[in-house]
Amino acid sequence: MATPPILEEVRRVRHEISEEVGHDPKRLREYYAKIQESVRSRTINLADQGPYGRTKDCTEADDQPTSDGSSIPSSR
């Protein structure tokens, strides 16, 4: 099976970055940590998220089935 072009591009860029730091794992980690810190204000912390992006304390009910086999979305 052929590799999708986007995957080839991701691998190429990852190799390029690794090459820039001499394929040194410690320097590679530092590089990514620096990038992560620079975009921290644009990211969200998923540590408090449960499945499907719900917070751990979410008490939302699942969709409610109807007699005709369809469902009514739970109130959100």
PDB file of N, CA and C in Angstrom:
ATOM      1  N   MET A   1       0.838  -1.180   0.000  1.00  0.00           N
ATOM      2  CA  MET A   1       0.000   0.000   0.000  1.00  0.00           C
ATOM      3  C   MET A   1       0.886   1.248   0.000  1.00  0.00           C
ATOM      4  N   ALA A   2       0.557   2.203  -0.816  1.00  0.00           N
ATOM      5  CA  ALA A   2       1.353   3.428  -0.945  1.00  0.00           C
ATOM      6  C   ALA A   2       1.167   4.326   0.282  1.00  0.00           C
ATOM      7  N   THR A   3       2.232   5.002   0.669  1.00  0.00           N
ATOM      8  CA  THR A   3       2.176   5.939   1.786  1.00  0.00           C
ATOM      9  C   THR A   3       1.517   7.234   1.322  1.00  0.00           C
ATOM     10  N   PRO A   4       0.535   7.737   2.083  1.00  0.00           N
ATOM     11  CA  PRO A   4      -0.113   8.998   1.700  1.00  0.00           C
ATOM     12  C   PRO A   4       0.907  10.141   1.663  1.00  0.00           C
ATOM     13  N   PRO A   5       0.768  11.052   0.710  1.00  0.00           N
ATOM     14  CA  PRO A   5       1.723  12.163   0.576  1.00  0.00           C
ATOM     15  C   PRO A   5       1.872  12.996   1.853  1.00  0.00           C
ATOM     16  N   ILE A   6       0.797  13.190   2.590  1.00  0.00           N
ATOM     17  CA  ILE A   6       0.891  14.007   3.808  1.00  0.00           C
ATOM     18  C   ILE A   6       1.795  13.330   4.833  1.00  0.00           C
ATOM     19  N   LEU A   7       1.742  11.996   4.907  1.00  0.00           N
ATOM     20  CA  LEU A   7       2.601  11.264   5.830  1.00  0.00           C
ATOM     21  C   LEU A   7       4.058  11.361   5.412  1.00  0.00           C
ATOM     22  N   GLU A   8       4.299  11.293   4.118  1.00  0.00           N
ATOM     23  CA  GLU A   8       5.666  11.452   3.619  1.00  0.00           C
ATOM     24  C   GLU A   8       6.210  12.829   3.968  1.00  0.00           C
ATOM     25  N   GLU A   9       5.359  13.847   3.867  1.00  0.00           N
ATOM     26  CA  GLU A   9       5.780  15.218   4.196  1.00  0.00           C
ATOM     27  C   GLU A   9       6.079  15.355   5.682  1.00  0.00           C
ATOM     28  N   VAL A  10       5.235  14.790   6.526  1.00  0.00           N
ATOM     29  CA  VAL A  10       5.463  14.836   7.977  1.00  0.00           C
ATOM     30  C   VAL A  10       6.786  14.165   8.316  1.00  0.00           C
ATOM     31  N   ARG A  11       7.025  13.011   7.746  1.00  0.00           N
ATOM     32  CA  ARG A  11       8.279  12.294   8.019  1.00  0.00           C
ATOM     33  C   ARG A  11       9.487  13.077   7.521  1.00  0.00           C
ATOM     34  N   ARG A  12       9.357  13.708   6.348  1.00  0.00           N
ATOM     35  CA  ARG A  12      10.459  14.495   5.795  1.00  0.00           C
ATOM     36  C   ARG A  12      10.802  15.657   6.729  1.00  0.00           C
ATOM     37  N   VAL A  13       9.773  16.358   7.195  1.00  0.00           N
ATOM     38  CA  VAL A  13      10.000  17.508   8.078  1.00  0.00           C
ATOM     39  C   VAL A  13      10.576  17.052   9.414  1.00  0.00           C
ATOM     40  N   ARG A  14      10.060  15.952   9.973  1.00  0.00           N
ATOM     41  CA  ARG A  14      10.601  15.439  11.237  1.00  0.00           C
ATOM     42  C   ARG A  14      12.078  15.084  11.095  1.00  0.00           C
ATOM     43  N   HIS A  15      12.436  14.476   9.978  1.00  0.00           N
ATOM     44  CA  HIS A  15      13.839  14.120   9.748  1.00  0.00           C
ATOM     45  C   HIS A  15      14.689  15.389   9.616  1.00  0.00           C
ATOM     46  N   GLU A  16      14.145  16.381   8.928  1.00  0.00           N
ATOM     47  CA  GLU A  16      14.861  17.657   8.755  1.00  0.00           C
ATOM     48  C   GLU A  16      15.137  18.309  10.114  1.00  0.00           C
ATOM     49  N   ILE A  17      14.135  18.316  10.982  1.00  0.00           N
ATOM     50  CA  ILE A  17      14.290  18.904  12.321  1.00  0.00           C
ATOM     51  C   ILE A  17      15.322  18.112  13.116  1.00  0.00           C
ATOM     52  N   SER A  18      15.228  16.783  13.062  1.00  0.00           N
ATOM     53  CA  SER A  18      16.184  15.945  13.774  1.00  0.00           C
ATOM     54  C   SER A  18      17.604  16.188  13.280  1.00  0.00           C
ATOM     55  N   GLU A  19      17.735  16.354  11.987  1.00  0.00           N
ATOM     56  CA  GLU A  19      19.049  16.619  11.393  1.00  0.00           C
ATOM     57  C   GLU A  19      19.616  17.951  11.899  1.00  0.00           C
ATOM     58  N   GLU A  20      18.742  18.954  12.050  1.00  0.00           N
ATOM     59  CA  GLU A  20      19.176  20.276  12.529  1.00  0.00           C
ATOM     60  C   GLU A  20      19.802  20.211  13.915  1.00  0.00           C
ATOM     61  N   VAL A  21      19.345  19.272  14.740  1.00  0.00           N
ATOM     62  CA  VAL A  21      19.886  19.155  16.103  1.00  0.00           C
ATOM     63  C   VAL A  21      20.865  17.993  16.221  1.00  0.00           C
ATOM     64  N   GLY A  22      21.358  17.528  15.078  1.00  0.00           N
ATOM     65  CA  GLY A  22      22.358  16.466  15.079  1.00  0.00           C
ATOM     66  C   GLY A  22      21.830  15.119  15.528  1.00  0.00           C
ATOM     67  N   HIS A  23      20.533  14.878  15.367  1.00  0.00           N
ATOM     68  CA  HIS A  23      19.879  13.625  15.767  1.00  0.00           C
ATOM     69  C   HIS A  23      20.121  13.314  17.249  1.00  0.00           C
ATOM     70  N   ASP A  24      20.294  14.361  18.041  1.00  0.00           N
ATOM     71  CA  ASP A  24      20.530  14.221  19.480  1.00  0.00           C
ATOM     72  C   ASP A  24      19.176  14.258  20.197  1.00  0.00           C
ATOM     73  N   PRO A  25      18.769  13.164  20.862  1.00  0.00           N
ATOM     74  CA  PRO A  25      17.460  13.117  21.516  1.00  0.00           C
ATOM     75  C   PRO A  25      17.232  14.250  22.530  1.00  0.00           C
ATOM     76  N   LYS A  26      18.275  14.584  23.300  1.00  0.00           N
ATOM     77  CA  LYS A  26      18.138  15.644  24.299  1.00  0.00           C
ATOM     78  C   LYS A  26      17.878  16.988  23.611  1.00  0.00           C
ATOM     79  N   ARG A  27      18.644  17.288  22.576  1.00  0.00           N
ATOM     80  CA  ARG A  27      18.451  18.550  21.859  1.00  0.00           C
ATOM     81  C   ARG A  27      17.119  18.569  21.117  1.00  0.00           C
ATOM     82  N   LEU A  28      16.692  17.415  20.644  1.00  0.00           N
ATOM     83  CA  LEU A  28      15.408  17.314  19.958  1.00  0.00           C
ATOM     84  C   LEU A  28      14.267  17.615  20.938  1.00  0.00           C
ATOM     85  N   ARG A  29      14.339  17.063  22.140  1.00  0.00           N
ATOM     86  CA  ARG A  29      13.333  17.335  23.167  1.00  0.00           C
ATOM     87  C   ARG A  29      13.317  18.809  23.518  1.00  0.00           C
ATOM     88  N   GLU A  30      14.500  19.400  23.661  1.00  0.00           N
ATOM     89  CA  GLU A  30      14.592  20.832  23.971  1.00  0.00           C
ATOM     90  C   GLU A  30      13.994  21.678  22.845  1.00  0.00           C
ATOM     91  N   TYR A  31      14.233  21.267  21.611  1.00  0.00           N
ATOM     92  CA  TYR A  31      13.679  21.981  20.457  1.00  0.00           C
ATOM     93  C   TYR A  31      12.150  21.982  20.517  1.00  0.00           C
ATOM     94  N   TYR A  32      11.565  20.793  20.720  1.00  0.00           N
ATOM     95  CA  TYR A  32      10.112  20.693  20.765  1.00  0.00           C
ATOM     96  C   TYR A  32       9.529  21.400  21.992  1.00  0.00           C
ATOM     97  N   ALA A  33      10.234  21.373  23.122  1.00  0.00           N
ATOM     98  CA  ALA A  33       9.772  22.076  24.322  1.00  0.00           C
ATOM     99  C   ALA A  33       9.723  23.578  24.070  1.00  0.00           C
ATOM    100  N   LYS A  34      10.730  24.077  23.356  1.00  0.00           N
ATOM    101  CA  LYS A  34      10.772  25.509  23.027  1.00  0.00           C
ATOM    102  C   LYS A  34       9.599  25.883  22.116  1.00  0.00           C
ATOM    103  N   ILE A  35       9.323  25.051  21.117  1.00  0.00           N
ATOM    104  CA  ILE A  35       8.186  25.287  20.219  1.00  0.00           C
ATOM    105  C   ILE A  35       6.883  25.255  21.021  1.00  0.00           C
ATOM    106  N   GLN A  36       6.748  24.263  21.879  1.00  0.00           N
ATOM    107  CA  GLN A  36       5.531  24.130  22.686  1.00  0.00           C
ATOM    108  C   GLN A  36       5.312  25.363  23.555  1.00  0.00           C
ATOM    109  N   GLU A  37       6.365  25.843  24.167  1.00  0.00           N
ATOM    110  CA  GLU A  37       6.255  27.032  25.024  1.00  0.00           C
ATOM    111  C   GLU A  37       5.854  28.254  24.199  1.00  0.00           C
ATOM    112  N   SER A  38       6.364  28.354  22.976  1.00  0.00           N
ATOM    113  CA  SER A  38       6.063  29.528  22.150  1.00  0.00           C
ATOM    114  C   SER A  38       4.608  29.567  21.684  1.00  0.00           C
ATOM    115  N   VAL A  39       3.920  28.420  21.685  1.00  0.00           N
ATOM    116  CA  VAL A  39       2.518  28.401  21.249  1.00  0.00           C
ATOM    117  C   VAL A  39       1.553  28.099  22.402  1.00  0.00           C
ATOM    118  N   ARG A  40       2.054  28.120  23.620  1.00  0.00           N
ATOM    119  CA  ARG A  40       1.241  27.775  24.788  1.00  0.00           C
ATOM    120  C   ARG A  40      -0.056  28.579  24.863  1.00  0.00           C
ATOM    121  N   SER A  41      -0.014  29.848  24.500  1.00  0.00           N
ATOM    122  CA  SER A  41      -1.219  30.688  24.597  1.00  0.00           C
ATOM    123  C   SER A  41      -2.261  30.300  23.550  1.00  0.00           C
ATOM    124  N   ARG A  42      -1.868  29.508  22.553  1.00  0.00           N
ATOM    125  CA  ARG A  42      -2.801  29.100  21.494  1.00  0.00           C
ATOM    126  C   ARG A  42      -3.238  27.646  21.621  1.00  0.00           C
ATOM    127  N   THR A  43      -2.895  26.993  22.719  1.00  0.00           N
ATOM    128  CA  THR A  43      -3.240  25.587  22.883  1.00  0.00           C
ATOM    129  C   THR A  43      -4.171  25.412  24.076  1.00  0.00           C
ATOM    130  N   ILE A  44      -4.833  24.262  24.133  1.00  0.00           N
ATOM    131  CA  ILE A  44      -5.690  23.945  25.264  1.00  0.00           C
ATOM    132  C   ILE A  44      -5.129  22.723  25.977  1.00  0.00           C
ATOM    133  N   ASN A  45      -5.410  22.612  27.257  1.00  0.00           N
ATOM    134  CA  ASN A  45      -4.944  21.493  28.060  1.00  0.00           C
ATOM    135  C   ASN A  45      -6.043  20.441  28.077  1.00  0.00           C
ATOM    136  N   LEU A  46      -5.767  19.280  27.502  1.00  0.00           N
ATOM    137  CA  LEU A  46      -6.759  18.221  27.453  1.00  0.00           C
ATOM    138  C   LEU A  46      -6.696  17.298  28.661  1.00  0.00           C
ATOM    139  N   ALA A  47      -5.844  17.594  29.627  1.00  0.00           N
ATOM    140  CA  ALA A  47      -5.695  16.731  30.796  1.00  0.00           C
ATOM    141  C   ALA A  47      -7.002  16.602  31.565  1.00  0.00           C
ATOM    142  N   ASP A  48      -7.838  17.631  31.585  1.00  0.00           N
ATOM    143  CA  ASP A  48      -9.102  17.590  32.307  1.00  0.00           C
ATOM    144  C   ASP A  48     -10.278  17.197  31.423  1.00  0.00           C
ATOM    145  N   GLN A  49      -9.981  16.763  30.217  1.00  0.00           N
ATOM    146  CA  GLN A  49     -11.036  16.381  29.279  1.00  0.00           C
ATOM    147  C   GLN A  49     -11.266  14.879  29.338  1.00  0.00           C
ATOM    148  N   GLY A  50     -12.499  14.487  29.282  1.00  0.00           N
ATOM    149  CA  GLY A  50     -12.851  13.074  29.210  1.00  0.00           C
ATOM    150  C   GLY A  50     -13.038  12.689  27.753  1.00  0.00           C
ATOM    151  N   PRO A  51     -13.682  11.570  27.509  1.00  0.00           N
ATOM    152  CA  PRO A  51     -13.944  11.160  26.132  1.00  0.00           C
ATOM    153  C   PRO A  51     -14.785  12.190  25.393  1.00  0.00           C
ATOM    154  N   TYR A  52     -14.543  12.340  24.141  1.00  0.00           N
ATOM    155  CA  TYR A  52     -15.317  13.231  23.270  1.00  0.00           C
ATOM    156  C   TYR A  52     -15.215  14.695  23.674  1.00  0.00           C
ATOM    157  N   GLY A  53     -14.144  15.077  24.343  1.00  0.00           N
ATOM    158  CA  GLY A  53     -13.930  16.472  24.699  1.00  0.00           C
ATOM    159  C   GLY A  53     -14.760  16.950  25.871  1.00  0.00           C
ATOM    160  N   ARG A  54     -15.435  16.048  26.547  1.00  0.00           N
ATOM    161  CA  ARG A  54     -16.240  16.435  27.705  1.00  0.00           C
ATOM    162  C   ARG A  54     -15.349  16.533  28.923  1.00  0.00           C
ATOM    163  N   THR A  55     -15.665  17.422  29.812  1.00  0.00           N
ATOM    164  CA  THR A  55     -14.874  17.513  31.033  1.00  0.00           C
ATOM    165  C   THR A  55     -15.224  16.337  31.934  1.00  0.00           C
ATOM    166  N   LYS A  56     -14.327  16.005  32.839  1.00  0.00           N
ATOM    167  CA  LYS A  56     -14.525  14.863  33.722  1.00  0.00           C
ATOM    168  C   LYS A  56     -15.790  14.992  34.564  1.00  0.00           C
ATOM    169  N   ASP A  57     -16.175  16.221  34.917  1.00  0.00           N
ATOM    170  CA  ASP A  57     -17.338  16.398  35.777  1.00  0.00           C
ATOM    171  C   ASP A  57     -18.639  16.589  35.000  1.00  0.00           C
ATOM    172  N   CYS A  58     -18.625  16.293  33.719  1.00  0.00           N
ATOM    173  CA  CYS A  58     -19.813  16.451  32.872  1.00  0.00           C
ATOM    174  C   CYS A  58     -20.857  15.412  33.263  1.00  0.00           C
ATOM    175  N   THR A  59     -22.081  15.842  33.494  1.00  0.00           N
ATOM    176  CA  THR A  59     -23.159  14.925  33.852  1.00  0.00           C
ATOM    177  C   THR A  59     -24.196  14.827  32.743  1.00  0.00           C
ATOM    178  N   GLU A  60     -23.824  15.237  31.554  1.00  0.00           N
ATOM    179  CA  GLU A  60     -24.725  15.248  30.408  1.00  0.00           C
ATOM    180  C   GLU A  60     -25.216  13.836  30.077  1.00  0.00           C
ATOM    181  N   ALA A  61     -26.513  13.706  29.817  1.00  0.00           N
ATOM    182  CA  ALA A  61     -27.090  12.419  29.437  1.00  0.00           C
ATOM    183  C   ALA A  61     -26.863  12.175  27.953  1.00  0.00           C
ATOM    184  N   ASP A  62     -26.828  10.912  27.575  1.00  0.00           N
ATOM    185  CA  ASP A  62     -26.709  10.584  26.158  1.00  0.00           C
ATOM    186  C   ASP A  62     -28.013  10.927  25.447  1.00  0.00           C
ATOM    187  N   ASP A  63     -27.966  10.917  24.118  1.00  0.00           N
ATOM    188  CA  ASP A  63     -29.181  11.175  23.346  1.00  0.00           C
ATOM    189  C   ASP A  63     -30.270  10.193  23.771  1.00  0.00           C
ATOM    190  N   GLN A  64     -31.513  10.663  23.761  1.00  0.00           N
ATOM    191  CA  GLN A  64     -32.636   9.848  24.198  1.00  0.00           C
ATOM    192  C   GLN A  64     -33.325   9.208  22.998  1.00  0.00           C
ATOM    193  N   PRO A  65     -33.499   7.881  23.004  1.00  0.00           N
ATOM    194  CA  PRO A  65     -34.158   7.221  21.878  1.00  0.00           C
ATOM    195  C   PRO A  65     -35.649   7.547  21.855  1.00  0.00           C
ATOM    196  N   THR A  66     -36.248   7.523  20.666  1.00  0.00           N
ATOM    197  CA  THR A  66     -37.687   7.724  20.519  1.00  0.00           C
ATOM    198  C   THR A  66     -38.308   6.420  20.037  1.00  0.00           C
ATOM    199  N   SER A  67     -39.628   6.337  20.062  1.00  0.00           N
ATOM    200  CA  SER A  67     -40.312   5.089  19.699  1.00  0.00           C
ATOM    201  C   SER A  67     -40.133   4.721  18.227  1.00  0.00           C
ATOM    202  N   ASP A  68     -39.830   5.714  17.352  1.00  0.00           N
ATOM    203  CA  ASP A  68     -39.664   5.398  15.928  1.00  0.00           C
ATOM    204  C   ASP A  68     -38.226   5.014  15.569  1.00  0.00           C
ATOM    205  N   GLY A  69     -37.379   4.866  16.556  1.00  0.00           N
ATOM    206  CA  GLY A  69     -36.007   4.422  16.296  1.00  0.00           C
ATOM    207  C   GLY A  69     -34.999   5.556  16.137  1.00  0.00           C
ATOM    208  N   SER A  70     -35.472   6.809  16.018  1.00  0.00           N
ATOM    209  CA  SER A  70     -34.544   7.927  15.940  1.00  0.00           C
ATOM    210  C   SER A  70     -34.165   8.337  17.355  1.00  0.00           C
ATOM    211  N   SER A  71     -33.496   9.470  17.486  1.00  0.00           N
ATOM    212  CA  SER A  71     -33.145   9.918  18.841  1.00  0.00           C
ATOM    213  C   SER A  71     -33.263  11.426  18.937  1.00  0.00           C
ATOM    214  N   ILE A  72     -33.416  11.884  20.146  1.00  0.00           N
ATOM    215  CA  ILE A  72     -33.499  13.310  20.446  1.00  0.00           C
ATOM    216  C   ILE A  72     -32.206  13.674  21.166  1.00  0.00           C
ATOM    217  N   PRO A  73     -31.471  14.653  20.646  1.00  0.00           N
ATOM    218  CA  PRO A  73     -30.223  15.041  21.313  1.00  0.00           C
ATOM    219  C   PRO A  73     -30.502  15.484  22.756  1.00  0.00           C
ATOM    220  N   SER A  74     -29.615  15.106  23.643  1.00  0.00           N
ATOM    221  CA  SER A  74     -29.753  15.548  25.022  1.00  0.00           C
ATOM    222  C   SER A  74     -29.586  17.053  25.080  1.00  0.00           C
ATOM    223  N   SER A  75     -30.164  17.679  26.079  1.00  0.00           N
ATOM    224  CA  SER A  75     -30.011  19.137  26.198  1.00  0.00           C
ATOM    225  C   SER A  75     -28.594  19.434  26.570  1.00  0.00           C
ATOM    226  N   ARG A  76     -28.022  20.399  25.938  1.00  0.00           N
ATOM    227  CA  ARG A  76     -26.619  20.711  26.149  1.00  0.00           C
ATOM    228  C   ARG A  76     -26.484  22.085  26.736  1.00  0.00           C
TER     229      ARG A  76
END
